[in-house]
Amino acid sequence: MKVLVAAAAGLALAGIVVPMPVKACAVCSCGDPTLTTMGAEQPFGGRLRVSLEARHRTDSIGEPGVNELALTEDRLEARLAWAPHESVFLLLTVPWLTRSIDYVNLAHRNQAGIGDLELHARVFLFQDREYAPRHLVSALTGVRLPTSPFQRDGSGRSLPLELQSGTGSFDPSLGLAYTWFDFPWSVYASARGTVPTSGFESTRASRSLGLTLAGQHQLFDSLGVRAGVDARVDGTSLEETGPSPDSGGWIAFGSVELLWSPVTDLVFFGSARLPAWNALSGHHTEGPIFGAGVAYDL
């Protein structure tokens, strides 16, 4: 993890200290002062952005007192976003996971390693005007790569797919997003479907549909608050022994996020996502997700 942190920090520092041609700031280039997190930016050709985000979450699967597994996960994501053209945004995500699993027999296991790399593209299909657009419609596409190792418990049995650090498969996704800007207000809505292929030992992760609706108000030029709902609908996953009884269903999180920009092109953000509606199938409970990070336009 120290290597990943050092690499990400070095990348950001390089953008600050290495001499580069004079360029306009991100706000000047896109014409809108709205503070944005990675993936919700205003487009302009040549935009290059890096971020580092830490997230903490809990998850449990299995019947309490019988076969329950409880997961605590700390996730560190390094991201690089680049717009080779004013209508295309490319995003690379490299995750590092530190996880602990508690078993019903009081056994405990710690794990650390790389998760599944993700490559995504955001292609802008419509904007109402070239500079400082108020309405943006974009197509979302991408793939998750099987870079995470397959994990088993102490007895050699595979962990449920919901507790694996990756799926072991190539998982393509496709979706649509809409963004509305009218400073100091903005709204973001998206829907993205993911269809995993066969993974570890003929297993297959759940097909899923992710939905997001969020609104943001910028209290000051340097401070914004964002609130919304993130929902996910899952199909049934296939384990080595057949369909998993503790997979599928749906869950929705209520979220709040603060964004702070002390200087131009630098944004700090912190978020909390709390499970508000849990209708996951079987014995499956997801806990709150807390995150904090920083993004910088090079």
Foldseek 3Di string as FASTA:
>chain_A
DVVVVVVLVVVVVCVVPPDDPDDDFQCVQQVHLEDDDPPPGQFAAFWKKKKKKKKWWKKWFDDALPWIKIKIKIKIKIKIWTHNHRFKIKMKIKMKMWMKIATSVRDIDIDIDTAWIKIKMWGWDDFPDDHNTFKTKTKIKIKTHQPFDFDDDPVRHGDPCVPGSYFQFIKIKIWMKMKGDDPQKIKIKMKMWIFTDQGDQRKTFWTKIKIWIKMKGAPDSFKIKMKIKIKMFTDWIADNVGTDQQATDMWMWIKMKMWGDPDGQKIKMKMKTATDDDTGGDGMDIGIMIMIMMMGID
